[in-house]
Amino acid sequence: MIGGISVTQLLILLVIVMLVFGTKRLRNIGSDLGSAVKGFRKGIEDEPEDSDPEKITNAEKTSAEPLKKEEKAPASKPTDTDV
């Protein structure tokens, strides 16, 4: 028993999930999830340890693109038909 769920309830749930999604789709979901976890772990391991924000070089400062100001739309002119 796992958290109040018996083994028979888990088997019934597994059969229902397999009927709804199909084995091929479940296999694809499992492989996608596994590759995502592997990529996440690799990204965590490859992250540089000394990423101090105060040690940003000038090249890194200038490589970031500045935010562009949004252009304001011209105000519409009132029409004489309302008068």
Protein backbone atom coordinates (compact mmCIF):
# COMPACT_ATOMS: atom_id res chain seq x y z
CA MET A 1 0.00 0.00 0.00
CA ILE A 2 1.40 3.37 -1.09
CA GLY A 3 -0.23 6.36 0.55
CA GLY A 4 -3.61 4.64 0.90
CA ILE A 5 -3.63 3.18 -2.66
CA SER A 6 -3.57 -0.60 -2.93
CA VAL A 7 -1.78 -2.63 -5.61
CA THR A 8 -5.05 -3.60 -7.32
CA GLN A 9 -6.08 0.05 -7.58
CA LEU A 10 -2.70 0.91 -9.16
CA LEU A 11 -3.11 -1.93 -11.70
CA ILE A 12 -6.61 -0.78 -12.61
CA LEU A 13 -5.35 2.79 -13.02
CA LEU A 14 -2.48 1.58 -15.22
CA VAL A 15 -4.87 -0.37 -17.48
CA ILE A 16 -7.16 2.66 -17.87
CA VAL A 17 -4.23 4.95 -18.71
CA MET A 18 -2.96 2.45 -21.31
CA LEU A 19 -6.42 2.24 -22.90
CA VAL A 20 -6.80 6.01 -23.07
CA PHE A 21 -3.32 6.95 -24.31
CA GLY A 22 -2.05 3.77 -25.95
CA THR A 23 1.31 2.14 -25.41
CA LYS A 24 3.08 3.98 -28.23
CA ARG A 25 2.20 7.44 -26.91
CA LEU A 26 3.14 6.44 -23.35
CA ARG A 27 6.50 5.18 -24.62
CA ASN A 28 7.11 8.49 -26.41
CA ILE A 29 6.14 10.48 -23.33
CA GLY A 30 8.48 8.38 -21.18
CA SER A 31 11.42 8.80 -23.54
CA ASP A 32 10.82 12.56 -23.87
CA LEU A 33 10.64 12.92 -20.11
CA GLY A 34 13.84 10.90 -19.66
CA SER A 35 15.76 12.98 -22.21
CA ALA A 36 14.52 16.18 -20.56
CA VAL A 37 15.77 15.01 -17.16
CA LYS A 38 19.15 14.03 -18.66
CA GLY A 39 19.46 17.43 -20.34
CA PHE A 40 18.58 19.20 -17.11
CA ARG A 41 21.17 17.25 -15.14
CA LYS A 42 23.82 17.93 -17.79
CA GLY A 43 22.96 21.64 -17.74
CA ILE A 44 23.32 21.74 -13.98
CA GLU A 45 26.72 20.02 -14.12
CA ASP A 46 28.04 22.27 -16.93
CA GLU A 47 27.05 25.52 -15.19
CA PRO A 48 30.09 27.60 -14.23
CA GLU A 49 30.59 27.81 -10.50
CA ASP A 50 31.95 31.40 -10.36
CA SER A 51 29.03 33.23 -11.95
CA ASP A 52 29.34 36.29 -9.75
CA PRO A 53 27.21 39.14 -11.16
CA GLU A 54 29.83 41.72 -10.10
CA LYS A 55 32.46 40.12 -12.36
CA ILE A 56 30.70 40.92 -15.64
CA THR A 57 33.16 41.98 -18.33
CA ASN A 58 32.74 44.98 -20.62
CA ALA A 59 32.19 42.67 -23.60
CA GLU A 60 29.30 41.02 -21.80
CA LYS A 61 27.85 44.41 -20.92
CA THR A 62 27.95 45.68 -24.51
CA SER A 63 26.74 42.44 -26.08
CA ALA A 64 23.32 42.77 -24.47
CA GLU A 65 20.91 44.62 -26.73
CA PRO A 66 19.26 47.64 -25.15
CA LEU A 67 15.49 47.58 -24.84
CA LYS A 68 13.73 49.45 -27.60
CA LYS A 69 11.19 52.09 -26.67
CA GLU A 70 7.71 51.35 -27.89
CA GLU A 71 6.54 53.70 -30.56
CA LYS A 72 3.42 55.57 -29.65
CA ALA A 73 0.55 55.45 -32.11
CA PRO A 74 -0.49 58.84 -33.43
CA ALA A 75 -3.66 60.19 -31.84
CA SER A 76 -6.69 59.95 -34.05
CA LYS A 77 -8.15 63.26 -35.18
CA PRO A 78 -11.73 64.02 -34.20
CA THR A 79 -14.14 63.98 -37.09
CA ASP A 80 -16.64 66.73 -37.92
CA THR A 81 -19.46 64.26 -38.40
CA ASP A 82 -20.04 64.06 -34.64
CA VAL A 83 -20.91 67.76 -34.40
